[in-house]
């Protein structure tokens, strides 16, 4: 299981820790984080926004299961697995581009 410590991050733990470091309190889990901040159109995203991704659960219903920090220039910072690895990756051409479902803004 992932978390938000120096032993490892999951996606929402990473985002939670990054925002806490600059004095912004976010809920711990991605689903709860999705309910916070200001809604932004997918195409209006900018550096510092949180990107949310969904895929079908066992019943086929789409659920948000991933969050990352948009760095601008089509680049995402995220923890793709529940371990200490954090990566920067291009959004376009990835499965994340297909799963992008929401953008929230917490920074002015």
PDB file of N, CA and C in Angstrom:
ATOM      1  N   UNK A   1       0.848  -1.189   0.000  1.00  0.00           N
ATOM      2  CA  UNK A   1       0.000   0.000   0.000  1.00  0.00           C
ATOM      3  C   UNK A   1       0.885   1.241   0.000  1.00  0.00           C
ATOM      4  N   UNK A   2       0.507   2.220  -0.751  1.00  0.00           N
ATOM      5  CA  UNK A   2       1.254   3.464  -0.845  1.00  0.00           C
ATOM      6  C   UNK A   2       0.911   4.400   0.282  1.00  0.00           C
ATOM      7  N   UNK A   3       1.376   5.611   0.167  1.00  0.00           N
ATOM      8  CA  UNK A   3       1.102   6.567   1.210  1.00  0.00           C
ATOM      9  C   UNK A   3       1.640   7.932   0.866  1.00  0.00           C
ATOM     10  N   UNK A   4       2.063   8.623   1.891  1.00  0.00           N
ATOM     11  CA  UNK A   4       2.674   9.926   1.681  1.00  0.00           C
ATOM     12  C   UNK A   4       3.773  10.149   2.715  1.00  0.00           C
ATOM     13  N   UNK A   5       4.786   9.320   2.603  1.00  0.00           N
ATOM     14  CA  UNK A   5       5.941   9.435   3.477  1.00  0.00           C
ATOM     15  C   UNK A   5       7.195   9.230   2.652  1.00  0.00           C
ATOM     16  N   UNK A   6       8.333   9.374   3.285  1.00  0.00           N
ATOM     17  CA  UNK A   6       9.591   9.178   2.563  1.00  0.00           C
ATOM     18  C   UNK A   6       9.778   7.720   2.165  1.00  0.00           C
ATOM     19  N   UNK A   7       8.963   6.813   2.696  1.00  0.00           N
ATOM     20  CA  UNK A   7       9.046   5.401   2.328  1.00  0.00           C
ATOM     21  C   UNK A   7       8.305   5.104   1.037  1.00  0.00           C
ATOM     22  N   UNK A   8       7.451   5.998   0.607  1.00  0.00           N
ATOM     23  CA  UNK A   8       6.734   5.782  -0.635  1.00  0.00           C
ATOM     24  C   UNK A   8       5.532   6.682  -0.764  1.00  0.00           C
ATOM     25  N   UNK A   9       5.169   6.934  -1.996  1.00  0.00           N
ATOM     26  CA  UNK A   9       4.009   7.772  -2.306  1.00  0.00           C
ATOM     27  C   UNK A   9       3.064   7.008  -3.202  1.00  0.00           C
ATOM     28  N   UNK A  10       1.781   7.220  -2.986  1.00  0.00           N
ATOM     29  CA  UNK A  10       0.816   6.879  -4.009  1.00  0.00           C
ATOM     30  C   UNK A  10       0.445   8.214  -4.657  1.00  0.00           C
ATOM     31  N   UNK A  11      -0.372   8.197  -5.685  1.00  0.00           N
ATOM     32  CA  UNK A  11      -0.629   9.426  -6.444  1.00  0.00           C
ATOM     33  C   UNK A  11      -1.223  10.540  -5.587  1.00  0.00           C
ATOM     34  N   UNK A  12      -2.240  10.220  -4.806  1.00  0.00           N
ATOM     35  CA  UNK A  12      -2.880  11.264  -4.008  1.00  0.00           C
ATOM     36  C   UNK A  12      -2.015  11.684  -2.822  1.00  0.00           C
ATOM     37  N   UNK A  13      -1.212  10.764  -2.303  1.00  0.00           N
ATOM     38  CA  UNK A  13      -0.278  11.115  -1.230  1.00  0.00           C
ATOM     39  C   UNK A  13       0.779  12.088  -1.703  1.00  0.00           C
ATOM     40  N   UNK A  14       1.255  11.903  -2.930  1.00  0.00           N
ATOM     41  CA  UNK A  14       2.233  12.825  -3.504  1.00  0.00           C
ATOM     42  C   UNK A  14       1.639  14.216  -3.637  1.00  0.00           C
ATOM     43  N   UNK A  15       0.456  14.310  -4.223  1.00  0.00           N
ATOM     44  CA  UNK A  15      -0.204  15.604  -4.420  1.00  0.00           C
ATOM     45  C   UNK A  15      -0.502  16.252  -3.060  1.00  0.00           C
ATOM     46  N   UNK A  16      -1.000  15.469  -2.128  1.00  0.00           N
ATOM     47  CA  UNK A  16      -1.291  15.964  -0.782  1.00  0.00           C
ATOM     48  C   UNK A  16      -0.037  16.570  -0.158  1.00  0.00           C
ATOM     49  N   UNK A  17       1.090  15.873  -0.252  1.00  0.00           N
ATOM     50  CA  UNK A  17       2.347  16.347   0.327  1.00  0.00           C
ATOM     51  C   UNK A  17       2.888  17.582  -0.382  1.00  0.00           C
ATOM     52  N   UNK A  18       2.818  17.612  -1.696  1.00  0.00           N
ATOM     53  CA  UNK A  18       3.304  18.770  -2.454  1.00  0.00           C
ATOM     54  C   UNK A  18       2.535  20.031  -2.075  1.00  0.00           C
ATOM     55  N   UNK A  19       1.217  19.922  -2.003  1.00  0.00           N
ATOM     56  CA  UNK A  19       0.413  21.096  -1.672  1.00  0.00           C
ATOM     57  C   UNK A  19       0.582  21.494  -0.208  1.00  0.00           C
ATOM     58  N   UNK A  20       0.730  20.521   0.687  1.00  0.00           N
ATOM     59  CA  UNK A  20       0.967  20.841   2.099  1.00  0.00           C
ATOM     60  C   UNK A  20       2.272  21.614   2.265  1.00  0.00           C
ATOM     61  N   UNK A  21       3.263  21.299   1.438  1.00  0.00           N
ATOM     62  CA  UNK A  21       4.561  21.976   1.515  1.00  0.00           C
ATOM     63  C   UNK A  21       4.461  23.465   1.200  1.00  0.00           C
ATOM     64  N   UNK A  22       3.426  23.857   0.456  1.00  0.00           N
ATOM     65  CA  UNK A  22       3.237  25.277   0.148  1.00  0.00           C
ATOM     66  C   UNK A  22       2.039  25.857   0.901  1.00  0.00           C
ATOM     67  N   UNK A  23       1.596  25.149   1.936  1.00  0.00           N
ATOM     68  CA  UNK A  23       0.559  25.674   2.813  1.00  0.00           C
ATOM     69  C   UNK A  23      -0.867  25.510   2.347  1.00  0.00           C
ATOM     70  N   UNK A  24      -1.110  24.598   1.409  1.00  0.00           N
ATOM     71  CA  UNK A  24      -2.469  24.371   0.921  1.00  0.00           C
ATOM     72  C   UNK A  24      -2.943  23.009   1.408  1.00  0.00           C
ATOM     73  N   UNK A  25      -4.013  23.008   2.201  1.00  0.00           N
ATOM     74  CA  UNK A  25      -4.558  21.769   2.746  1.00  0.00           C
ATOM     75  C   UNK A  25      -5.501  21.129   1.729  1.00  0.00           C
ATOM     76  N   UNK A  26      -5.184  19.903   1.362  1.00  0.00           N
ATOM     77  CA  UNK A  26      -6.036  19.117   0.469  1.00  0.00           C
ATOM     78  C   UNK A  26      -6.473  17.864   1.204  1.00  0.00           C
ATOM     79  N   UNK A  27      -7.618  17.306   0.839  1.00  0.00           N
ATOM     80  CA  UNK A  27      -7.962  15.989   1.368  1.00  0.00           C
ATOM     81  C   UNK A  27      -6.885  14.974   0.965  1.00  0.00           C
ATOM     82  N   UNK A  28      -6.806  13.872   1.641  1.00  0.00           N
ATOM     83  CA  UNK A  28      -5.755  12.891   1.410  1.00  0.00           C
ATOM     84  C   UNK A  28      -5.985  12.041   0.156  1.00  0.00           C
ATOM     85  N   UNK A  29      -7.229  11.699  -0.149  1.00  0.00           N
ATOM     86  CA  UNK A  29      -7.510  10.766  -1.241  1.00  0.00           C
ATOM     87  C   UNK A  29      -7.996  11.462  -2.507  1.00  0.00           C
ATOM     88  N   UNK A  30      -7.665  10.873  -3.657  1.00  0.00           N
ATOM     89  CA  UNK A  30      -7.970  11.482  -4.958  1.00  0.00           C
ATOM     90  C   UNK A  30      -9.455  11.800  -5.127  1.00  0.00           C
ATOM     91  N   UNK A  31     -10.333  10.886  -4.734  1.00  0.00           N
ATOM     92  CA  UNK A  31     -11.763  11.139  -4.879  1.00  0.00           C
ATOM     93  C   UNK A  31     -12.223  12.351  -4.090  1.00  0.00           C
ATOM     94  N   UNK A  32     -11.663  12.512  -2.896  1.00  0.00           N
ATOM     95  CA  UNK A  32     -11.998  13.673  -2.072  1.00  0.00           C
ATOM     96  C   UNK A  32     -11.339  14.939  -2.618  1.00  0.00           C
ATOM     97  N   UNK A  33     -10.125  14.810  -3.136  1.00  0.00           N
ATOM     98  CA  UNK A  33      -9.441  15.956  -3.740  1.00  0.00           C
ATOM     99  C   UNK A  33     -10.234  16.481  -4.933  1.00  0.00           C
ATOM    100  N   UNK A  34     -10.842  15.587  -5.671  1.00  0.00           N
ATOM    101  CA  UNK A  34     -11.625  15.964  -6.845  1.00  0.00           C
ATOM    102  C   UNK A  34     -12.777  16.901  -6.487  1.00  0.00           C
ATOM    103  N   UNK A  35     -13.284  16.785  -5.271  1.00  0.00           N
ATOM    104  CA  UNK A  35     -14.399  17.629  -4.835  1.00  0.00           C
ATOM    105  C   UNK A  35     -13.929  19.001  -4.352  1.00  0.00           C
ATOM    106  N   UNK A  36     -12.625  19.238  -4.328  1.00  0.00           N
ATOM    107  CA  UNK A  36     -12.104  20.522  -3.854  1.00  0.00           C
ATOM    108  C   UNK A  36     -11.534  21.327  -5.025  1.00  0.00           C
ATOM    109  N   UNK A  37     -11.181  22.549  -4.755  1.00  0.00           N
ATOM    110  CA  UNK A  37     -10.605  23.398  -5.795  1.00  0.00           C
ATOM    111  C   UNK A  37     -11.649  23.931  -6.756  1.00  0.00           C
ATOM    112  N   UNK A  38     -11.177  24.630  -7.775  1.00  0.00           N
ATOM    113  CA  UNK A  38     -12.032  25.229  -8.794  1.00  0.00           C
ATOM    114  C   UNK A  38     -12.007  24.366 -10.045  1.00  0.00           C
ATOM    115  N   UNK A  39     -13.171  24.036 -10.557  1.00  0.00           N
ATOM    116  CA  UNK A  39     -13.269  23.242 -11.786  1.00  0.00           C
ATOM    117  C   UNK A  39     -12.720  24.044 -12.956  1.00  0.00           C
ATOM    118  N   UNK A  40     -11.928  23.388 -13.789  1.00  0.00           N
ATOM    119  CA  UNK A  40     -11.311  24.007 -14.959  1.00  0.00           C
ATOM    120  C   UNK A  40     -11.571  23.093 -16.152  1.00  0.00           C
ATOM    121  N   UNK A  41     -11.871  23.670 -17.294  1.00  0.00           N
ATOM    122  CA  UNK A  41     -12.052  22.871 -18.511  1.00  0.00           C
ATOM    123  C   UNK A  41     -10.749  22.143 -18.836  1.00  0.00           C
ATOM    124  N   UNK A  42     -10.868  20.927 -19.360  1.00  0.00           N
ATOM    125  CA  UNK A  42      -9.675  20.123 -19.660  1.00  0.00           C
ATOM    126  C   UNK A  42      -8.662  20.885 -20.505  1.00  0.00           C
ATOM    127  N   UNK A  43      -9.167  21.586 -21.513  1.00  0.00           N
ATOM    128  CA  UNK A  43      -8.263  22.290 -22.438  1.00  0.00           C
ATOM    129  C   UNK A  43      -7.715  23.592 -21.850  1.00  0.00           C
ATOM    130  N   UNK A  44      -8.236  24.033 -20.706  1.00  0.00           N
ATOM    131  CA  UNK A  44      -7.775  25.286 -20.077  1.00  0.00           C
ATOM    132  C   UNK A  44      -6.763  25.037 -18.963  1.00  0.00           C
ATOM    133  N   UNK A  45      -6.309  23.800 -18.826  1.00  0.00           N
ATOM    134  CA  UNK A  45      -5.355  23.487 -17.753  1.00  0.00           C
ATOM    135  C   UNK A  45      -4.071  24.288 -17.899  1.00  0.00           C
ATOM    136  N   UNK A  46      -3.467  24.548 -16.739  1.00  0.00           N
ATOM    137  CA  UNK A  46      -2.186  25.260 -16.727  1.00  0.00           C
ATOM    138  C   UNK A  46      -1.313  24.678 -15.614  1.00  0.00           C
ATOM    139  N   UNK A  47      -0.051  25.024 -15.654  1.00  0.00           N
ATOM    140  CA  UNK A  47       0.898  24.511 -14.657  1.00  0.00           C
ATOM    141  C   UNK A  47       0.371  24.755 -13.253  1.00  0.00           C
ATOM    142  N   UNK A  48       0.466  23.733 -12.408  1.00  0.00           N
ATOM    143  CA  UNK A  48      -0.011  23.818 -11.038  1.00  0.00           C
ATOM    144  C   UNK A  48      -1.388  23.222 -10.825  1.00  0.00           C
ATOM    145  N   UNK A  49      -2.114  22.961 -11.902  1.00  0.00           N
ATOM    146  CA  UNK A  49      -3.433  22.346 -11.783  1.00  0.00           C
ATOM    147  C   UNK A  49      -3.291  20.856 -11.477  1.00  0.00           C
ATOM    148  N   UNK A  50      -4.324  20.308 -10.858  1.00  0.00           N
ATOM    149  CA  UNK A  50      -4.371  18.872 -10.612  1.00  0.00           C
ATOM    150  C   UNK A  50      -5.194  18.216 -11.699  1.00  0.00           C
ATOM    151  N   UNK A  51      -4.656  17.136 -12.253  1.00  0.00           N
ATOM    152  CA  UNK A  51      -5.332  16.380 -13.305  1.00  0.00           C
ATOM    153  C   UNK A  51      -5.836  15.071 -12.714  1.00  0.00           C
ATOM    154  N   UNK A  52      -7.067  14.734 -13.025  1.00  0.00           N
ATOM    155  CA  UNK A  52      -7.687  13.516 -12.513  1.00  0.00           C
ATOM    156  C   UNK A  52      -7.993  12.571 -13.665  1.00  0.00           C
ATOM    157  N   UNK A  53      -7.824  11.290 -13.391  1.00  0.00           N
ATOM    158  CA  UNK A  53      -7.957  10.258 -14.416  1.00  0.00           C
ATOM    159  C   UNK A  53      -8.919   9.181 -13.929  1.00  0.00           C
ATOM    160  N   UNK A  54      -9.686   8.630 -14.867  1.00  0.00           N
ATOM    161  CA  UNK A  54     -10.649   7.597 -14.506  1.00  0.00           C
ATOM    162  C   UNK A  54     -10.503   6.396 -15.419  1.00  0.00           C
ATOM    163  N   UNK A  55     -10.933   5.266 -14.874  1.00  0.00           N
ATOM    164  CA  UNK A  55     -11.060   4.053 -15.667  1.00  0.00           C
ATOM    165  C   UNK A  55     -12.170   3.214 -15.051  1.00  0.00           C
ATOM    166  N   UNK A  56     -12.680   2.243 -15.778  1.00  0.00           N
ATOM    167  CA  UNK A  56     -13.819   1.466 -15.282  1.00  0.00           C
ATOM    168  C   UNK A  56     -13.446   0.585 -14.089  1.00  0.00           C
ATOM    169  N   UNK A  57     -14.371   0.482 -13.138  1.00  0.00           N
ATOM    170  CA  UNK A  57     -14.187  -0.449 -12.031  1.00  0.00           C
ATOM    171  C   UNK A  57     -14.667  -1.839 -12.479  1.00  0.00           C
ATOM    172  N   UNK A  58     -14.757  -2.775 -11.572  1.00  0.00           N
ATOM    173  CA  UNK A  58     -15.132  -4.152 -11.910  1.00  0.00           C
ATOM    174  C   UNK A  58     -16.510  -4.246 -12.564  1.00  0.00           C
ATOM    175  N   UNK A  59     -17.399  -3.302 -12.241  1.00  0.00           N
ATOM    176  CA  UNK A  59     -18.742  -3.329 -12.838  1.00  0.00           C
ATOM    177  C   UNK A  59     -18.832  -2.537 -14.139  1.00  0.00           C
ATOM    178  N   UNK A  60     -17.711  -1.913 -14.545  1.00  0.00           N
ATOM    179  CA  UNK A  60     -17.702  -1.127 -15.766  1.00  0.00           C
ATOM    180  C   UNK A  60     -18.005   0.341 -15.569  1.00  0.00           C
ATOM    181  N   UNK A  61     -18.285   0.730 -14.335  1.00  0.00           N
ATOM    182  CA  UNK A  61     -18.590   2.135 -14.014  1.00  0.00           C
ATOM    183  C   UNK A  61     -17.288   2.928 -13.913  1.00  0.00           C
ATOM    184  N   UNK A  62     -17.183   4.079 -14.602  1.00  0.00           N
ATOM    185  CA  UNK A  62     -15.938   4.858 -14.521  1.00  0.00           C
ATOM    186  C   UNK A  62     -15.753   5.463 -13.123  1.00  0.00           C
ATOM    187  N   UNK A  63     -14.548   5.319 -12.591  1.00  0.00           N
ATOM    188  CA  UNK A  63     -14.208   5.888 -11.286  1.00  0.00           C
ATOM    189  C   UNK A  63     -12.848   6.580 -11.371  1.00  0.00           C
ATOM    190  N   UNK A  64     -12.713   7.669 -10.637  1.00  0.00           N
ATOM    191  CA  UNK A  64     -11.428   8.367 -10.566  1.00  0.00           C
ATOM    192  C   UNK A  64     -10.473   7.499  -9.765  1.00  0.00           C
ATOM    193  N   UNK A  65      -9.326   7.175 -10.361  1.00  0.00           N
ATOM    194  CA  UNK A  65      -8.375   6.325  -9.664  1.00  0.00           C
ATOM    195  C   UNK A  65      -6.949   6.864  -9.691  1.00  0.00           C
ATOM    196  N   UNK A  66      -6.775   8.099 -10.206  1.00  0.00           N
ATOM    197  CA  UNK A  66      -5.413   8.628 -10.301  1.00  0.00           C
ATOM    198  C   UNK A  66      -5.451  10.146 -10.355  1.00  0.00           C
ATOM    199  N   UNK A  67      -4.408  10.778  -9.792  1.00  0.00           N
ATOM    200  CA  UNK A  67      -4.268  12.232  -9.811  1.00  0.00           C
ATOM    201  C   UNK A  67      -2.792  12.559  -9.994  1.00  0.00           C
ATOM    202  N   UNK A  68      -2.527  13.669 -10.663  1.00  0.00           N
ATOM    203  CA  UNK A  68      -1.161  14.141 -10.838  1.00  0.00           C
ATOM    204  C   UNK A  68      -1.142  15.654 -10.957  1.00  0.00           C
ATOM    205  N   UNK A  69       0.037  16.211 -10.866  1.00  0.00           N
ATOM    206  CA  UNK A  69       0.246  17.659 -10.952  1.00  0.00           C
ATOM    207  C   UNK A  69       0.666  18.013 -12.373  1.00  0.00           C
ATOM    208  N   UNK A  70      -0.080  18.926 -12.990  1.00  0.00           N
ATOM    209  CA  UNK A  70       0.270  19.364 -14.337  1.00  0.00           C
ATOM    210  C   UNK A  70       1.402  20.380 -14.246  1.00  0.00           C
ATOM    211  N   UNK A  71       2.485  20.135 -14.988  1.00  0.00           N
ATOM    212  CA  UNK A  71       3.653  21.010 -14.975  1.00  0.00           C
ATOM    213  C   UNK A  71       3.663  21.997 -16.127  1.00  0.00           C
ATOM    214  N   UNK A  72       2.684  21.901 -17.014  1.00  0.00           N
ATOM    215  CA  UNK A  72       2.677  22.714 -18.224  1.00  0.00           C
ATOM    216  C   UNK A  72       3.390  21.969 -19.326  1.00  0.00           C
ATOM    217  N   UNK A  73       3.351  22.506 -20.519  1.00  0.00           N
ATOM    218  CA  UNK A  73       4.044  21.889 -21.659  1.00  0.00           C
ATOM    219  C   UNK A  73       3.688  20.420 -21.856  1.00  0.00           C
ATOM    220  N   UNK A  74       2.413  20.062 -21.617  1.00  0.00           N
ATOM    221  CA  UNK A  74       1.947  18.690 -21.824  1.00  0.00           C
ATOM    222  C   UNK A  74       2.661  17.683 -20.911  1.00  0.00           C
ATOM    223  N   UNK A  75       3.085  18.129 -19.722  1.00  0.00           N
ATOM    224  CA  UNK A  75       3.867  17.282 -18.822  1.00  0.00           C
ATOM    225  C   UNK A  75       3.165  17.102 -17.480  1.00  0.00           C
ATOM    226  N   UNK A  76       3.211  15.889 -16.973  1.00  0.00           N
ATOM    227  CA  UNK A  76       2.562  15.482 -15.738  1.00  0.00           C
ATOM    228  C   UNK A  76       3.607  14.980 -14.749  1.00  0.00           C
ATOM    229  N   UNK A  77       3.477  15.382 -13.485  1.00  0.00           N
ATOM    230  CA  UNK A  77       4.284  14.820 -12.392  1.00  0.00           C
ATOM    231  C   UNK A  77       3.339  13.963 -11.569  1.00  0.00           C
ATOM    232  N   UNK A  78       3.696  12.689 -11.372  1.00  0.00           N
ATOM    233  CA  UNK A  78       2.798  11.801 -10.647  1.00  0.00           C
ATOM    234  C   UNK A  78       3.554  10.607 -10.076  1.00  0.00           C
ATOM    235  N   UNK A  79       2.869   9.862  -9.213  1.00  0.00           N
ATOM    236  CA  UNK A  79       3.375   8.608  -8.672  1.00  0.00           C
ATOM    237  C   UNK A  79       2.555   7.493  -9.330  1.00  0.00           C
ATOM    238  N   UNK A  80       3.092   6.854 -10.366  1.00  0.00           N
ATOM    239  CA  UNK A  80       2.293   5.910 -11.139  1.00  0.00           C
ATOM    240  C   UNK A  80       1.995   4.595 -10.424  1.00  0.00           C
ATOM    241  N   UNK A  81       2.756   4.287  -9.385  1.00  0.00           N
ATOM    242  CA  UNK A  81       2.535   3.062  -8.624  1.00  0.00           C
ATOM    243  C   UNK A  81       2.611   3.390  -7.138  1.00  0.00           C
ATOM    244  N   UNK A  82       2.246   2.451  -6.322  1.00  0.00           N
ATOM    245  CA  UNK A  82       2.261   2.674  -4.874  1.00  0.00           C
ATOM    246  C   UNK A  82       3.629   2.352  -4.268  1.00  0.00           C
ATOM    247  N   UNK A  83       4.617   3.109  -4.671  1.00  0.00           N
ATOM    248  CA  UNK A  83       5.953   2.970  -4.090  1.00  0.00           C
ATOM    249  C   UNK A  83       6.639   4.325  -4.122  1.00  0.00           C
ATOM    250  N   UNK A  84       7.922   4.345  -3.919  1.00  0.00           N
ATOM    251  CA  UNK A  84       8.648   5.612  -3.807  1.00  0.00           C
ATOM    252  C   UNK A  84       8.873   6.305  -5.144  1.00  0.00           C
ATOM    253  N   UNK A  85       8.560   5.661  -6.246  1.00  0.00           N
ATOM    254  CA  UNK A  85       8.854   6.229  -7.558  1.00  0.00           C
ATOM    255  C   UNK A  85       7.910   7.376  -7.909  1.00  0.00           C
ATOM    256  N   UNK A  86       8.496   8.471  -8.328  1.00  0.00           N
ATOM    257  CA  UNK A  86       7.756   9.617  -8.849  1.00  0.00           C
ATOM    258  C   UNK A  86       8.313   9.868 -10.231  1.00  0.00           C
ATOM    259  N   UNK A  87       7.452  10.160 -11.189  1.00  0.00           N
ATOM    260  CA  UNK A  87       7.955  10.376 -12.546  1.00  0.00           C
ATOM    261  C   UNK A  87       7.323  11.594 -13.192  1.00  0.00           C
ATOM    262  N   UNK A  88       8.076  12.120 -14.116  1.00  0.00           N
ATOM    263  CA  UNK A  88       7.607  13.195 -14.997  1.00  0.00           C
ATOM    264  C   UNK A  88       7.423  12.564 -16.356  1.00  0.00           C
ATOM    265  N   UNK A  89       6.250  12.789 -16.963  1.00  0.00           N
ATOM    266  CA  UNK A  89       6.003  12.169 -18.267  1.00  0.00           C
ATOM    267  C   UNK A  89       5.145  13.063 -19.143  1.00  0.00           C
ATOM    268  N   UNK A  90       5.261  12.863 -20.421  1.00  0.00           N
ATOM    269  CA  UNK A  90       4.436  13.577 -21.386  1.00  0.00           C
ATOM    270  C   UNK A  90       3.033  12.989 -21.336  1.00  0.00           C
ATOM    271  N   UNK A  91       2.049  13.853 -21.350  1.00  0.00           N
ATOM    272  CA  UNK A  91       0.655  13.420 -21.274  1.00  0.00           C
ATOM    273  C   UNK A  91       0.166  12.888 -22.619  1.00  0.00           C
ATOM    274  N   UNK A  92       0.376  13.642 -23.702  1.00  0.00           N
ATOM    275  CA  UNK A  92      -0.129  13.202 -25.010  1.00  0.00           C
ATOM    276  C   UNK A  92       0.560  11.905 -25.426  1.00  0.00           C
ATOM    277  N   UNK A  93      -0.213  11.061 -26.069  1.00  0.00           N
ATOM    278  CA  UNK A  93       0.306   9.784 -26.526  1.00  0.00           C
ATOM    279  C   UNK A  93       0.324   8.715 -25.449  1.00  0.00           C
ATOM    280  N   UNK A  94      -0.064   9.048 -24.240  1.00  0.00           N
ATOM    281  CA  UNK A  94      -0.082   8.069 -23.149  1.00  0.00           C
ATOM    282  C   UNK A  94      -1.522   7.639 -22.864  1.00  0.00           C
ATOM    283  N   UNK A  95      -1.670   6.554 -22.126  1.00  0.00           N
ATOM    284  CA  UNK A  95      -3.022   6.145 -21.730  1.00  0.00           C
ATOM    285  C   UNK A  95      -3.642   7.164 -20.782  1.00  0.00           C
ATOM    286  N   UNK A  96      -2.807   7.968 -20.113  1.00  0.00           N
ATOM    287  CA  UNK A  96      -3.336   9.012 -19.237  1.00  0.00           C
ATOM    288  C   UNK A  96      -4.123  10.059 -20.027  1.00  0.00           C
ATOM    289  N   UNK A  97      -3.692  10.371 -21.230  1.00  0.00           N
ATOM    290  CA  UNK A  97      -4.416  11.349 -22.057  1.00  0.00           C
ATOM    291  C   UNK A  97      -5.834  10.866 -22.339  1.00  0.00           C
ATOM    292  N   UNK A  98      -5.994   9.561 -22.522  1.00  0.00           N
ATOM    293  CA  UNK A  98      -7.317   8.985 -22.793  1.00  0.00           C
ATOM    294  C   UNK A  98      -8.185   8.924 -21.544  1.00  0.00           C
ATOM    295  N   UNK A  99      -7.554   8.847 -20.370  1.00  0.00           N
ATOM    296  CA  UNK A  99      -8.289   8.694 -19.118  1.00  0.00           C
ATOM    297  C   UNK A  99      -8.527  10.020 -18.385  1.00  0.00           C
ATOM    298  N   UNK A 100      -7.983  11.108 -18.901  1.00  0.00           N
ATOM    299  CA  UNK A 100      -8.151  12.414 -18.260  1.00  0.00           C
ATOM    300  C   UNK A 100      -9.636  12.772 -18.213  1.00  0.00           C
ATOM    301  N   UNK A 101     -10.122  13.076 -17.007  1.00  0.00           N
ATOM    302  CA  UNK A 101     -11.561  13.352 -16.879  1.00  0.00           C
ATOM    303  C   UNK A 101     -11.869  14.674 -16.185  1.00  0.00           C
ATOM    304  N   UNK A 102     -10.906  15.248 -15.450  1.00  0.00           N
ATOM    305  CA  UNK A 102     -11.202  16.471 -14.704  1.00  0.00           C
ATOM    306  C   UNK A 102      -9.922  17.221 -14.379  1.00  0.00           C
ATOM    307  N   UNK A 103     -10.066  18.533 -14.229  1.00  0.00           N
ATOM    308  CA  UNK A 103      -8.969  19.407 -13.818  1.00  0.00           C
ATOM    309  C   UNK A 103      -9.490  20.287 -12.690  1.00  0.00           C
ATOM    310  N   UNK A 104      -8.687  20.421 -11.643  1.00  0.00           N
ATOM    311  CA  UNK A 104      -9.031  21.308 -10.531  1.00  0.00           C
ATOM    312  C   UNK A 104      -7.863  22.248 -10.275  1.00  0.00           C
ATOM    313  N   UNK A 105      -8.196  23.492  -9.953  1.00  0.00           N
ATOM    314  CA  UNK A 105      -7.182  24.520  -9.700  1.00  0.00           C
ATOM    315  C   UNK A 105      -7.249  24.931  -8.230  1.00  0.00           C
ATOM    316  N   UNK A 106      -6.087  24.948  -7.591  1.00  0.00           N
ATOM    317  CA  UNK A 106      -5.965  25.367  -6.194  1.00  0.00           C
ATOM    318  C   UNK A 106      -5.011  26.547  -6.054  1.00  0.00           C
ATOM    319  N   UNK A 107      -4.255  26.834  -7.104  1.00  0.00           N
ATOM    320  CA  UNK A 107      -3.260  27.912  -7.080  1.00  0.00           C
ATOM    321  C   UNK A 107      -3.722  29.073  -7.944  1.00  0.00           C
ATOM    322  N   UNK A 108      -3.514  30.292  -7.489  1.00  0.00           N
ATOM    323  CA  UNK A 108      -3.895  31.476  -8.275  1.00  0.00           C
ATOM    324  C   UNK A 108      -2.945  31.709  -9.415  1.00  0.00           C
TER     325      UNK A 108
END
